[in-house]
Amino acid sequence: IKKCMCAAVSNYAHACAARGIILQGWMNSEPCDTIWKCPGNMKYSYGVTTCGSSCRSLSEQNNICQGSFTPVDGCICSEGTYLKGDSCVQADQCPCYYGNQVIEPSAVFHKDGAK
């Protein structure tokens, strides 16, 4: 029942945020405090889109991100950091992506005989 109540409060807070009224602190209070904890160094936001700042987004453009989506509430990385796994890191700590290959920072990648 806690999850249902917190989901209802979340929807109400999101509707208020869409009208410029930010309800702060509700996710840090009982009983939602254990449900809405953001992992690691992430922060809570009312404007999460499907195209957040991830390490992969630095290497590959996602065509889905060209459309417009209704923002939802949830956990995001702070400005200037990017999601890598379940934590936020600086851009220089992000791997590069080439197709399905993950190239870690400082690794050398060869494509068609060139570095």
PDB file of N, CA and C in Angstrom:
ATOM      1  N   ILE A   1       0.827  -1.190   0.000  1.00  0.00           N
ATOM      2  CA  ILE A   1       0.000   0.000   0.000  1.00  0.00           C
ATOM      3  C   ILE A   1       0.874   1.258   0.000  1.00  0.00           C
ATOM      4  N   LYS A   2       2.085   1.160   0.604  1.00  0.00           N
ATOM      5  CA  LYS A   2       2.994   2.303   0.619  1.00  0.00           C
ATOM      6  C   LYS A   2       3.340   2.744  -0.799  1.00  0.00           C
ATOM      7  N   LYS A   3       3.623   1.762  -1.672  1.00  0.00           N
ATOM      8  CA  LYS A   3       3.985   2.096  -3.049  1.00  0.00           C
ATOM      9  C   LYS A   3       2.848   2.810  -3.760  1.00  0.00           C
ATOM     10  N   CYS A   4       1.621   2.368  -3.530  1.00  0.00           N
ATOM     11  CA  CYS A   4       0.461   3.010  -4.162  1.00  0.00           C
ATOM     12  C   CYS A   4       0.301   4.441  -3.669  1.00  0.00           C
ATOM     13  N   MET A   5       0.442   4.631  -2.362  1.00  0.00           N
ATOM     14  CA  MET A   5       0.297   5.967  -1.803  1.00  0.00           C
ATOM     15  C   MET A   5       1.387   6.892  -2.337  1.00  0.00           C
ATOM     16  N   CYS A   6       2.611   6.398  -2.375  1.00  0.00           N
ATOM     17  CA  CYS A   6       3.725   7.214  -2.858  1.00  0.00           C
ATOM     18  C   CYS A   6       3.585   7.513  -4.347  1.00  0.00           C
ATOM     19  N   ALA A   7       3.051   6.570  -5.107  1.00  0.00           N
ATOM     20  CA  ALA A   7       2.815   6.809  -6.533  1.00  0.00           C
ATOM     21  C   ALA A   7       1.772   7.904  -6.716  1.00  0.00           C
ATOM     22  N   ALA A   8       0.736   7.897  -5.879  1.00  0.00           N
ATOM     23  CA  ALA A   8      -0.299   8.931  -5.959  1.00  0.00           C
ATOM     24  C   ALA A   8       0.278  10.300  -5.604  1.00  0.00           C
ATOM     25  N   VAL A   9       1.077  10.358  -4.549  1.00  0.00           N
ATOM     26  CA  VAL A   9       1.709  11.619  -4.158  1.00  0.00           C
ATOM     27  C   VAL A   9       2.671  12.077  -5.252  1.00  0.00           C
ATOM     28  N   SER A  10       3.383  11.137  -5.852  1.00  0.00           N
ATOM     29  CA  SER A  10       4.299  11.459  -6.946  1.00  0.00           C
ATOM     30  C   SER A  10       3.550  12.076  -8.122  1.00  0.00           C
ATOM     31  N   ASN A  11       2.410  11.496  -8.489  1.00  0.00           N
ATOM     32  CA  ASN A  11       1.601  12.046  -9.581  1.00  0.00           C
ATOM     33  C   ASN A  11       1.110  13.451  -9.252  1.00  0.00           C
ATOM     34  N   TYR A  12       0.698  13.657  -8.019  1.00  0.00           N
ATOM     35  CA  TYR A  12       0.240  14.978  -7.586  1.00  0.00           C
ATOM     36  C   TYR A  12       1.393  15.981  -7.648  1.00  0.00           C
ATOM     37  N   ALA A  13       2.561  15.586  -7.147  1.00  0.00           N
ATOM     38  CA  ALA A  13       3.735  16.463  -7.164  1.00  0.00           C
ATOM     39  C   ALA A  13       4.144  16.785  -8.596  1.00  0.00           C
ATOM     40  N   HIS A  14       4.050  15.807  -9.481  1.00  0.00           N
ATOM     41  CA  HIS A  14       4.400  16.034 -10.887  1.00  0.00           C
ATOM     42  C   HIS A  14       3.416  17.006 -11.528  1.00  0.00           C
ATOM     43  N   ALA A  15       2.135  16.865 -11.240  1.00  0.00           N
ATOM     44  CA  ALA A  15       1.129  17.786 -11.781  1.00  0.00           C
ATOM     45  C   ALA A  15       1.380  19.204 -11.275  1.00  0.00           C
ATOM     46  N   CYS A  16       1.742  19.329 -10.021  1.00  0.00           N
ATOM     47  CA  CYS A  16       2.065  20.648  -9.471  1.00  0.00           C
ATOM     48  C   CYS A  16       3.310  21.219 -10.141  1.00  0.00           C
ATOM     49  N   ALA A  17       4.328  20.381 -10.330  1.00  0.00           N
ATOM     50  CA  ALA A  17       5.572  20.832 -10.961  1.00  0.00           C
ATOM     51  C   ALA A  17       5.315  21.316 -12.381  1.00  0.00           C
ATOM     52  N   ALA A  18       4.410  20.654 -13.091  1.00  0.00           N
ATOM     53  CA  ALA A  18       4.072  21.061 -14.459  1.00  0.00           C
ATOM     54  C   ALA A  18       3.441  22.451 -14.478  1.00  0.00           C
ATOM     55  N   ARG A  19       2.887  22.869 -13.343  1.00  0.00           N
ATOM     56  CA  ARG A  19       2.279  24.197 -13.239  1.00  0.00           C
ATOM     57  C   ARG A  19       3.193  25.183 -12.511  1.00  0.00           C
ATOM     58  N   GLY A  20       4.450  24.773 -12.317  1.00  0.00           N
ATOM     59  CA  GLY A  20       5.429  25.669 -11.709  1.00  0.00           C
ATOM     60  C   GLY A  20       5.474  25.655 -10.201  1.00  0.00           C
ATOM     61  N   ILE A  21       4.748  24.754  -9.569  1.00  0.00           N
ATOM     62  CA  ILE A  21       4.742  24.656  -8.107  1.00  0.00           C
ATOM     63  C   ILE A  21       5.517  23.405  -7.719  1.00  0.00           C
ATOM     64  N   ILE A  22       6.674  23.596  -7.125  1.00  0.00           N
ATOM     65  CA  ILE A  22       7.533  22.471  -6.766  1.00  0.00           C
ATOM     66  C   ILE A  22       7.279  22.085  -5.311  1.00  0.00           C
ATOM     67  N   LEU A  23       6.840  20.868  -5.103  1.00  0.00           N
ATOM     68  CA  LEU A  23       6.637  20.321  -3.762  1.00  0.00           C
ATOM     69  C   LEU A  23       7.915  19.597  -3.367  1.00  0.00           C
ATOM     70  N   GLN A  24       8.632  20.155  -2.420  1.00  0.00           N
ATOM     71  CA  GLN A  24       9.911  19.569  -2.045  1.00  0.00           C
ATOM     72  C   GLN A  24       9.798  18.771  -0.759  1.00  0.00           C
ATOM     73  N   GLY A  25      10.621  17.755  -0.669  1.00  0.00           N
ATOM     74  CA  GLY A  25      10.749  17.006   0.568  1.00  0.00           C
ATOM     75  C   GLY A  25       9.799  15.848   0.758  1.00  0.00           C
ATOM     76  N   TRP A  26       8.763  15.742  -0.067  1.00  0.00           N
ATOM     77  CA  TRP A  26       7.792  14.669   0.160  1.00  0.00           C
ATOM     78  C   TRP A  26       8.419  13.300   0.006  1.00  0.00           C
ATOM     79  N   MET A  27       9.407  13.167  -0.890  1.00  0.00           N
ATOM     80  CA  MET A  27       9.996  11.848  -1.102  1.00  0.00           C
ATOM     81  C   MET A  27      11.016  11.488  -0.017  1.00  0.00           C
ATOM     82  N   ASN A  28      11.308  12.440   0.855  1.00  0.00           N
ATOM     83  CA  ASN A  28      12.231  12.173   1.959  1.00  0.00           C
ATOM     84  C   ASN A  28      11.501  11.897   3.265  1.00  0.00           C
ATOM     85  N   SER A  29      10.172  11.873   3.224  1.00  0.00           N
ATOM     86  CA  SER A  29       9.371  11.653   4.426  1.00  0.00           C
ATOM     87  C   SER A  29       8.790  10.242   4.429  1.00  0.00           C
ATOM     88  N   GLU A  30       8.481   9.749   5.613  1.00  0.00           N
ATOM     89  CA  GLU A  30       7.849   8.441   5.795  1.00  0.00           C
ATOM     90  C   GLU A  30       6.510   8.430   5.073  1.00  0.00           C
ATOM     91  N   PRO A  31       6.066   7.472   4.357  1.00  0.00           N
ATOM     92  CA  PRO A  31       6.717   6.198   4.070  1.00  0.00           C
ATOM     93  C   PRO A  31       7.493   6.187   2.750  1.00  0.00           C
ATOM     94  N   CYS A  32       7.490   7.315   2.027  1.00  0.00           N
ATOM     95  CA  CYS A  32       8.104   7.327   0.696  1.00  0.00           C
ATOM     96  C   CYS A  32       9.628   7.394   0.736  1.00  0.00           C
ATOM     97  N   ASP A  33      10.199   7.687   1.903  1.00  0.00           N
ATOM     98  CA  ASP A  33      11.650   7.851   1.974  1.00  0.00           C
ATOM     99  C   ASP A  33      12.408   6.579   1.618  1.00  0.00           C
ATOM    100  N   THR A  34      11.835   5.428   1.875  1.00  0.00           N
ATOM    101  CA  THR A  34      12.527   4.176   1.533  1.00  0.00           C
ATOM    102  C   THR A  34      12.247   3.746   0.101  1.00  0.00           C
ATOM    103  N   ILE A  35      11.211   4.303  -0.509  1.00  0.00           N
ATOM    104  CA  ILE A  35      10.845   3.932  -1.874  1.00  0.00           C
ATOM    105  C   ILE A  35      11.531   4.825  -2.895  1.00  0.00           C
ATOM    106  N   TRP A  36      11.678   6.124  -2.597  1.00  0.00           N
ATOM    107  CA  TRP A  36      12.179   7.088  -3.573  1.00  0.00           C
ATOM    108  C   TRP A  36      13.626   7.488  -3.338  1.00  0.00           C
ATOM    109  N   LYS A  37      14.441   6.605  -2.823  1.00  0.00           N
ATOM    110  CA  LYS A  37      15.861   6.903  -2.647  1.00  0.00           C
ATOM    111  C   LYS A  37      16.565   6.810  -3.987  1.00  0.00           C
ATOM    112  N   CYS A  38      17.292   7.854  -4.345  1.00  0.00           N
ATOM    113  CA  CYS A  38      18.091   7.798  -5.566  1.00  0.00           C
ATOM    114  C   CYS A  38      19.413   7.116  -5.237  1.00  0.00           C
ATOM    115  N   PRO A  39      19.859   6.210  -6.099  1.00  0.00           N
ATOM    116  CA  PRO A  39      21.108   5.498  -5.818  1.00  0.00           C
ATOM    117  C   PRO A  39      22.333   6.386  -6.000  1.00  0.00           C
ATOM    118  N   GLY A  40      23.383   6.043  -5.274  1.00  0.00           N
ATOM    119  CA  GLY A  40      24.677   6.712  -5.440  1.00  0.00           C
ATOM    120  C   GLY A  40      24.579   8.220  -5.364  1.00  0.00           C
ATOM    121  N   ASN A  41      25.185   8.877  -6.342  1.00  0.00           N
ATOM    122  CA  ASN A  41      25.232  10.337  -6.353  1.00  0.00           C
ATOM    123  C   ASN A  41      24.187  10.953  -7.285  1.00  0.00           C
ATOM    124  N   MET A  42      23.102  10.219  -7.515  1.00  0.00           N
ATOM    125  CA  MET A  42      22.027  10.743  -8.359  1.00  0.00           C
ATOM    126  C   MET A  42      21.130  11.657  -7.531  1.00  0.00           C
ATOM    127  N   LYS A  43      20.341  12.499  -8.226  1.00  0.00           N
ATOM    128  CA  LYS A  43      19.418  13.401  -7.538  1.00  0.00           C
ATOM    129  C   LYS A  43      18.021  13.241  -8.123  1.00  0.00           C
ATOM    130  N   TYR A  44      17.026  13.611  -7.336  1.00  0.00           N
ATOM    131  CA  TYR A  44      15.632  13.485  -7.744  1.00  0.00           C
ATOM    132  C   TYR A  44      15.240  14.686  -8.596  1.00  0.00           C
ATOM    133  N   SER A  45      14.462  14.433  -9.655  1.00  0.00           N
ATOM    134  CA  SER A  45      14.016  15.499 -10.547  1.00  0.00           C
ATOM    135  C   SER A  45      12.587  15.234 -11.004  1.00  0.00           C
ATOM    136  N   TYR A  46      11.873  16.303 -11.303  1.00  0.00           N
ATOM    137  CA  TYR A  46      10.525  16.186 -11.850  1.00  0.00           C
ATOM    138  C   TYR A  46      10.532  16.202 -13.367  1.00  0.00           C
ATOM    139  N   GLY A  47      11.693  16.413 -13.987  1.00  0.00           N
ATOM    140  CA  GLY A  47      11.759  16.565 -15.439  1.00  0.00           C
ATOM    141  C   GLY A  47      12.598  15.535 -16.141  1.00  0.00           C
ATOM    142  N   VAL A  48      12.472  14.269 -15.773  1.00  0.00           N
ATOM    143  CA  VAL A  48      13.264  13.208 -16.393  1.00  0.00           C
ATOM    144  C   VAL A  48      12.664  12.861 -17.757  1.00  0.00           C
ATOM    145  N   THR A  49      13.515  12.816 -18.770  1.00  0.00           N
ATOM    146  CA  THR A  49      13.071  12.396 -20.097  1.00  0.00           C
ATOM    147  C   THR A  49      13.722  11.060 -20.433  1.00  0.00           C
ATOM    148  N   THR A  50      13.291  10.446 -21.506  1.00  0.00           N
ATOM    149  CA  THR A  50      13.866   9.161 -21.900  1.00  0.00           C
ATOM    150  C   THR A  50      15.290   9.324 -22.400  1.00  0.00           C
ATOM    151  N   CYS A  51      15.708  10.540 -22.646  1.00  0.00           N
ATOM    152  CA  CYS A  51      17.037  10.786 -23.204  1.00  0.00           C
ATOM    153  C   CYS A  51      17.903  11.531 -22.204  1.00  0.00           C
ATOM    154  N   GLY A  52      18.160  10.908 -21.086  1.00  0.00           N
ATOM    155  CA  GLY A  52      18.995  11.512 -20.074  1.00  0.00           C
ATOM    156  C   GLY A  52      20.456  11.521 -20.483  1.00  0.00           C
ATOM    157  N   SER A  53      21.275  12.116 -19.655  1.00  0.00           N
ATOM    158  CA  SER A  53      22.703  12.204 -19.927  1.00  0.00           C
ATOM    159  C   SER A  53      23.400  10.934 -19.462  1.00  0.00           C
ATOM    160  N   SER A  54      23.651  10.041 -20.393  1.00  0.00           N
ATOM    161  CA  SER A  54      24.362   8.806 -20.076  1.00  0.00           C
ATOM    162  C   SER A  54      25.697   8.806 -20.805  1.00  0.00           C
ATOM    163  N   CYS A  55      26.606   7.956 -20.365  1.00  0.00           N
ATOM    164  CA  CYS A  55      27.881   7.829 -21.068  1.00  0.00           C
ATOM    165  C   CYS A  55      27.639   7.442 -22.524  1.00  0.00           C
ATOM    166  N   ARG A  56      26.692   6.566 -22.756  1.00  0.00           N
ATOM    167  CA  ARG A  56      26.411   6.146 -24.136  1.00  0.00           C
ATOM    168  C   ARG A  56      25.949   7.325 -24.989  1.00  0.00           C
ATOM    169  N   SER A  57      25.221   8.268 -24.402  1.00  0.00           N
ATOM    170  CA  SER A  57      24.721   9.415 -25.170  1.00  0.00           C
ATOM    171  C   SER A  57      25.852  10.307 -25.670  1.00  0.00           C
ATOM    172  N   LEU A  58      27.034  10.214 -25.063  1.00  0.00           N
ATOM    173  CA  LEU A  58      28.183  10.990 -25.535  1.00  0.00           C
ATOM    174  C   LEU A  58      28.751  10.415 -26.824  1.00  0.00           C
ATOM    175  N   SER A  59      28.602   9.113 -27.026  1.00  0.00           N
ATOM    176  CA  SER A  59      29.174   8.440 -28.197  1.00  0.00           C
ATOM    177  C   SER A  59      28.181   8.235 -29.321  1.00  0.00           C
ATOM    178  N   GLU A  60      26.943   7.988 -28.987  1.00  0.00           N
ATOM    179  CA  GLU A  60      25.953   7.635 -29.995  1.00  0.00           C
ATOM    180  C   GLU A  60      24.694   8.465 -29.824  1.00  0.00           C
ATOM    181  N   GLN A  61      24.237   9.053 -30.916  1.00  0.00           N
ATOM    182  CA  GLN A  61      22.980   9.789 -30.883  1.00  0.00           C
ATOM    183  C   GLN A  61      21.832   8.794 -30.984  1.00  0.00           C
ATOM    184  N   ASN A  62      20.854   8.975 -30.129  1.00  0.00           N
ATOM    185  CA  ASN A  62      19.683   8.108 -30.137  1.00  0.00           C
ATOM    186  C   ASN A  62      18.583   8.803 -30.932  1.00  0.00           C
ATOM    187  N   ASN A  63      18.174   8.217 -32.053  1.00  0.00           N
ATOM    188  CA  ASN A  63      17.151   8.836 -32.898  1.00  0.00           C
ATOM    189  C   ASN A  63      15.819   9.013 -32.183  1.00  0.00           C
ATOM    190  N   ILE A  64      15.558   8.190 -31.188  1.00  0.00           N
ATOM    191  CA  ILE A  64      14.325   8.319 -30.412  1.00  0.00           C
ATOM    192  C   ILE A  64      14.291   9.675 -29.703  1.00  0.00           C
ATOM    193  N   CYS A  65      15.469  10.201 -29.378  1.00  0.00           N
ATOM    194  CA  CYS A  65      15.546  11.458 -28.631  1.00  0.00           C
ATOM    195  C   CYS A  65      15.146  12.674 -29.455  1.00  0.00           C
ATOM    196  N   GLN A  66      14.935  12.510 -30.741  1.00  0.00           N
ATOM    197  CA  GLN A  66      14.535  13.632 -31.585  1.00  0.00           C
ATOM    198  C   GLN A  66      13.082  14.032 -31.340  1.00  0.00           C
ATOM    199  N   GLY A  67      12.269  13.116 -30.835  1.00  0.00           N
ATOM    200  CA  GLY A  67      10.861  13.401 -30.563  1.00  0.00           C
ATOM    201  C   GLY A  67      10.695  14.115 -29.238  1.00  0.00           C
ATOM    202  N   SER A  68       9.477  14.503 -28.937  1.00  0.00           N
ATOM    203  CA  SER A  68       9.210  15.138 -27.650  1.00  0.00           C
ATOM    204  C   SER A  68       8.453  14.149 -26.762  1.00  0.00           C
ATOM    205  N   PHE A  69       8.828  14.126 -25.504  1.00  0.00           N
ATOM    206  CA  PHE A  69       8.240  13.206 -24.546  1.00  0.00           C
ATOM    207  C   PHE A  69       7.788  13.980 -23.321  1.00  0.00           C
ATOM    208  N   THR A  70       6.745  13.510 -22.693  1.00  0.00           N
ATOM    209  CA  THR A  70       6.293  14.110 -21.447  1.00  0.00           C
ATOM    210  C   THR A  70       7.263  13.715 -20.345  1.00  0.00           C
ATOM    211  N   PRO A  71       7.858  14.692 -19.664  1.00  0.00           N
ATOM    212  CA  PRO A  71       8.792  14.355 -18.584  1.00  0.00           C
ATOM    213  C   PRO A  71       8.077  13.646 -17.436  1.00  0.00           C
ATOM    214  N   VAL A  72       8.817  12.833 -16.732  1.00  0.00           N
ATOM    215  CA  VAL A  72       8.315  12.146 -15.544  1.00  0.00           C
ATOM    216  C   VAL A  72       9.253  12.472 -14.391  1.00  0.00           C
ATOM    217  N   ASP A  73       8.923  12.022 -13.201  1.00  0.00           N
ATOM    218  CA  ASP A  73       9.815  12.246 -12.077  1.00  0.00           C
ATOM    219  C   ASP A  73      10.655  11.006 -11.837  1.00  0.00           C
ATOM    220  N   GLY A  74      11.854  11.222 -11.316  1.00  0.00           N
ATOM    221  CA  GLY A  74      12.758  10.115 -11.052  1.00  0.00           C
ATOM    222  C   GLY A  74      14.161  10.604 -10.759  1.00  0.00           C
ATOM    223  N   CYS A  75      15.116   9.715 -10.826  1.00  0.00           N
ATOM    224  CA  CYS A  75      16.504  10.021 -10.488  1.00  0.00           C
ATOM    225  C   CYS A  75      17.315  10.328 -11.741  1.00  0.00           C
ATOM    226  N   ILE A  76      18.146  11.370 -11.653  1.00  0.00           N
ATOM    227  CA  ILE A  76      19.004  11.767 -12.767  1.00  0.00           C
ATOM    228  C   ILE A  76      20.391  12.108 -12.242  1.00  0.00           C
ATOM    229  N   CYS A  77      21.322  12.247 -13.160  1.00  0.00           N
ATOM    230  CA  CYS A  77      22.664  12.712 -12.812  1.00  0.00           C
ATOM    231  C   CYS A  77      22.668  14.234 -12.751  1.00  0.00           C
ATOM    232  N   SER A  78      23.520  14.786 -11.902  1.00  0.00           N
ATOM    233  CA  SER A  78      23.679  16.232 -11.829  1.00  0.00           C
ATOM    234  C   SER A  78      24.274  16.743 -13.128  1.00  0.00           C
ATOM    235  N   GLU A  79      24.062  18.018 -13.414  1.00  0.00           N
ATOM    236  CA  GLU A  79      24.584  18.611 -14.643  1.00  0.00           C
ATOM    237  C   GLU A  79      26.100  18.429 -14.712  1.00  0.00           C
ATOM    238  N   GLY A  80      26.582  18.036 -15.879  1.00  0.00           N
ATOM    239  CA  GLY A  80      28.014  17.830 -16.076  1.00  0.00           C
ATOM    240  C   GLY A  80      28.486  16.430 -15.745  1.00  0.00           C
ATOM    241  N   THR A  81      27.557  15.559 -15.292  1.00  0.00           N
ATOM    242  CA  THR A  81      27.910  14.163 -15.042  1.00  0.00           C
ATOM    243  C   THR A  81      27.006  13.272 -15.884  1.00  0.00           C
ATOM    244  N   TYR A  82      27.451  12.037 -16.066  1.00  0.00           N
ATOM    245  CA  TYR A  82      26.780  11.118 -16.980  1.00  0.00           C
ATOM    246  C   TYR A  82      26.603   9.764 -16.316  1.00  0.00           C
ATOM    247  N   LEU A  83      25.493   9.115 -16.632  1.00  0.00           N
ATOM    248  CA  LEU A  83      25.178   7.823 -16.035  1.00  0.00           C
ATOM    249  C   LEU A  83      26.065   6.728 -16.620  1.00  0.00           C
ATOM    250  N   LYS A  84      26.773   6.042 -15.743  1.00  0.00           N
ATOM    251  CA  LYS A  84      27.601   4.887 -16.103  1.00  0.00           C
ATOM    252  C   LYS A  84      27.203   3.780 -15.141  1.00  0.00           C
ATOM    253  N   GLY A  85      26.466   2.790 -15.652  1.00  0.00           N
ATOM    254  CA  GLY A  85      25.948   1.746 -14.766  1.00  0.00           C
ATOM    255  C   GLY A  85      24.889   2.339 -13.862  1.00  0.00           C
ATOM    256  N   ASP A  86      25.146   2.345 -12.553  1.00  0.00           N
ATOM    257  CA  ASP A  86      24.171   2.911 -11.621  1.00  0.00           C
ATOM    258  C   ASP A  86      24.718   4.108 -10.856  1.00  0.00           C
ATOM    259  N   SER A  87      25.782   4.750 -11.387  1.00  0.00           N
ATOM    260  CA  SER A  87      26.305   5.954 -10.748  1.00  0.00           C
ATOM    261  C   SER A  87      26.643   7.005 -11.800  1.00  0.00           C
ATOM    262  N   CYS A  88      26.826   8.213 -11.347  1.00  0.00           N
ATOM    263  CA  CYS A  88      27.119   9.333 -12.240  1.00  0.00           C
ATOM    264  C   CYS A  88      28.611   9.647 -12.186  1.00  0.00           C
ATOM    265  N   VAL A  89      29.212   9.847 -13.357  1.00  0.00           N
ATOM    266  CA  VAL A  89      30.648  10.096 -13.455  1.00  0.00           C
ATOM    267  C   VAL A  89      30.908  11.293 -14.364  1.00  0.00           C
ATOM    268  N   GLN A  90      32.122  11.839 -14.280  1.00  0.00           N
ATOM    269  CA  GLN A  90      32.553  12.890 -15.193  1.00  0.00           C
ATOM    270  C   GLN A  90      32.744  12.287 -16.579  1.00  0.00           C
ATOM    271  N   ALA A  91      32.678  13.112 -17.613  1.00  0.00           N
ATOM    272  CA  ALA A  91      32.782  12.631 -18.996  1.00  0.00           C
ATOM    273  C   ALA A  91      34.076  11.867 -19.246  1.00  0.00           C
ATOM    274  N   ASP A  92      35.173  12.290 -18.610  1.00  0.00           N
ATOM    275  CA  ASP A  92      36.450  11.604 -18.861  1.00  0.00           C
ATOM    276  C   ASP A  92      36.516  10.216 -18.231  1.00  0.00           C
ATOM    277  N   GLN A  93      35.537   9.866 -17.421  1.00  0.00           N
ATOM    278  CA  GLN A  93      35.469   8.526 -16.838  1.00  0.00           C
ATOM    279  C   GLN A  93      34.528   7.611 -17.620  1.00  0.00           C
ATOM    280  N   CYS A  94      33.890   8.162 -18.638  1.00  0.00           N
ATOM    281  CA  CYS A  94      32.959   7.383 -19.460  1.00  0.00           C
ATOM    282  C   CYS A  94      33.713   6.571 -20.503  1.00  0.00           C
ATOM    283  N   PRO A  95      33.249   5.358 -20.754  1.00  0.00           N
ATOM    284  CA  PRO A  95      33.797   4.616 -21.891  1.00  0.00           C
ATOM    285  C   PRO A  95      33.207   5.179 -23.179  1.00  0.00           C
ATOM    286  N   CYS A  96      33.786   4.796 -24.294  1.00  0.00           N
ATOM    287  CA  CYS A  96      33.214   5.117 -25.600  1.00  0.00           C
ATOM    288  C   CYS A  96      32.452   3.889 -26.075  1.00  0.00           C
ATOM    289  N   TYR A  97      31.520   4.107 -26.955  1.00  0.00           N
ATOM    290  CA  TYR A  97      30.719   3.013 -27.494  1.00  0.00           C
ATOM    291  C   TYR A  97      30.808   3.045 -29.008  1.00  0.00           C
ATOM    292  N   TYR A  98      31.016   1.873 -29.568  1.00  0.00           N
ATOM    293  CA  TYR A  98      31.019   1.729 -31.020  1.00  0.00           C
ATOM    294  C   TYR A  98      30.190   0.493 -31.322  1.00  0.00           C
ATOM    295  N   GLY A  99      28.952   0.705 -31.743  1.00  0.00           N
ATOM    296  CA  GLY A  99      28.051  -0.430 -31.919  1.00  0.00           C
ATOM    297  C   GLY A  99      27.815  -1.093 -30.577  1.00  0.00           C
ATOM    298  N   ASN A 100      28.072  -2.384 -30.505  1.00  0.00           N
ATOM    299  CA  ASN A 100      27.914  -3.117 -29.248  1.00  0.00           C
ATOM    300  C   ASN A 100      29.207  -3.212 -28.458  1.00  0.00           C
ATOM    301  N   GLN A 101      30.266  -2.557 -28.937  1.00  0.00           N
ATOM    302  CA  GLN A 101      31.553  -2.614 -28.250  1.00  0.00           C
ATOM    303  C   GLN A 101      31.678  -1.466 -27.255  1.00  0.00           C
ATOM    304  N   VAL A 102      32.212  -1.784 -26.088  1.00  0.00           N
ATOM    305  CA  VAL A 102      32.487  -0.784 -25.065  1.00  0.00           C
ATOM    306  C   VAL A 102      33.996  -0.607 -25.008  1.00  0.00           C
ATOM    307  N   ILE A 103      34.453   0.628 -25.193  1.00  0.00           N
ATOM    308  CA  ILE A 103      35.882   0.923 -25.177  1.00  0.00           C
ATOM    309  C   ILE A 103      36.150   1.789 -23.955  1.00  0.00           C
ATOM    310  N   GLU A 104      36.827   1.220 -22.976  1.00  0.00           N
ATOM    311  CA  GLU A 104      37.085   1.921 -21.723  1.00  0.00           C
ATOM    312  C   GLU A 104      38.053   3.084 -21.941  1.00  0.00           C
ATOM    313  N   PRO A 105      38.005   4.107 -21.057  1.00  0.00           N
ATOM    314  CA  PRO A 105      38.935   5.230 -21.190  1.00  0.00           C
ATOM    315  C   PRO A 105      40.381   4.738 -21.229  1.00  0.00           C
ATOM    316  N   SER A 106      41.184   5.350 -22.046  1.00  0.00           N
ATOM    317  CA  SER A 106      42.611   5.070 -22.271  1.00  0.00           C
ATOM    318  C   SER A 106      42.860   3.795 -23.071  1.00  0.00           C
ATOM    319  N   ALA A 107      41.819   3.067 -23.456  1.00  0.00           N
ATOM    320  CA  ALA A 107      42.006   1.885 -24.303  1.00  0.00           C
ATOM    321  C   ALA A 107      42.199   2.335 -25.750  1.00  0.00           C
ATOM    322  N   VAL A 108      42.907   1.522 -26.520  1.00  0.00           N
ATOM    323  CA  VAL A 108      43.138   1.813 -27.934  1.00  0.00           C
ATOM    324  C   VAL A 108      42.158   0.984 -28.747  1.00  0.00           C
ATOM    325  N   PHE A 109      41.517   1.618 -29.702  1.00  0.00           N
ATOM    326  CA  PHE A 109      40.522   0.959 -30.536  1.00  0.00           C
ATOM    327  C   PHE A 109      40.990   0.992 -31.980  1.00  0.00           C
ATOM    328  N   HIS A 110      40.925  -0.145 -32.650  1.00  0.00           N
ATOM    329  CA  HIS A 110      41.311  -0.240 -34.057  1.00  0.00           C
ATOM    330  C   HIS A 110      40.071  -0.485 -34.906  1.00  0.00           C
ATOM    331  N   LYS A 111      39.914   0.342 -35.937  1.00  0.00           N
ATOM    332  CA  LYS A 111      38.810   0.163 -36.876  1.00  0.00           C
ATOM    333  C   LYS A 111      39.393   0.198 -38.275  1.00  0.00           C
ATOM    334  N   ASP A 112      39.166  -0.853 -39.011  1.00  0.00           N
ATOM    335  CA  ASP A 112      39.676  -0.950 -40.383  1.00  0.00           C
ATOM    336  C   ASP A 112      41.180  -0.692 -40.454  1.00  0.00           C
ATOM    337  N   GLY A 113      41.916  -1.198 -39.480  1.00  0.00           N
ATOM    338  CA  GLY A 113      43.371  -1.081 -39.466  1.00  0.00           C
ATOM    339  C   GLY A 113      43.901   0.238 -38.946  1.00  0.00           C
ATOM    340  N   ALA A 114      43.047   1.172 -38.602  1.00  0.00           N
ATOM    341  CA  ALA A 114      43.495   2.472 -38.085  1.00  0.00           C
ATOM    342  C   ALA A 114      43.121   2.591 -36.615  1.00  0.00           C
ATOM    343  N   LYS A 115      43.910   3.382 -35.878  1.00  0.00           N
ATOM    344  CA  LYS A 115      43.630   3.603 -34.454  1.00  0.00           C
ATOM    345  C   LYS A 115      42.584   4.667 -34.286  1.00  0.00           C
TER     346      LYS A 115
END
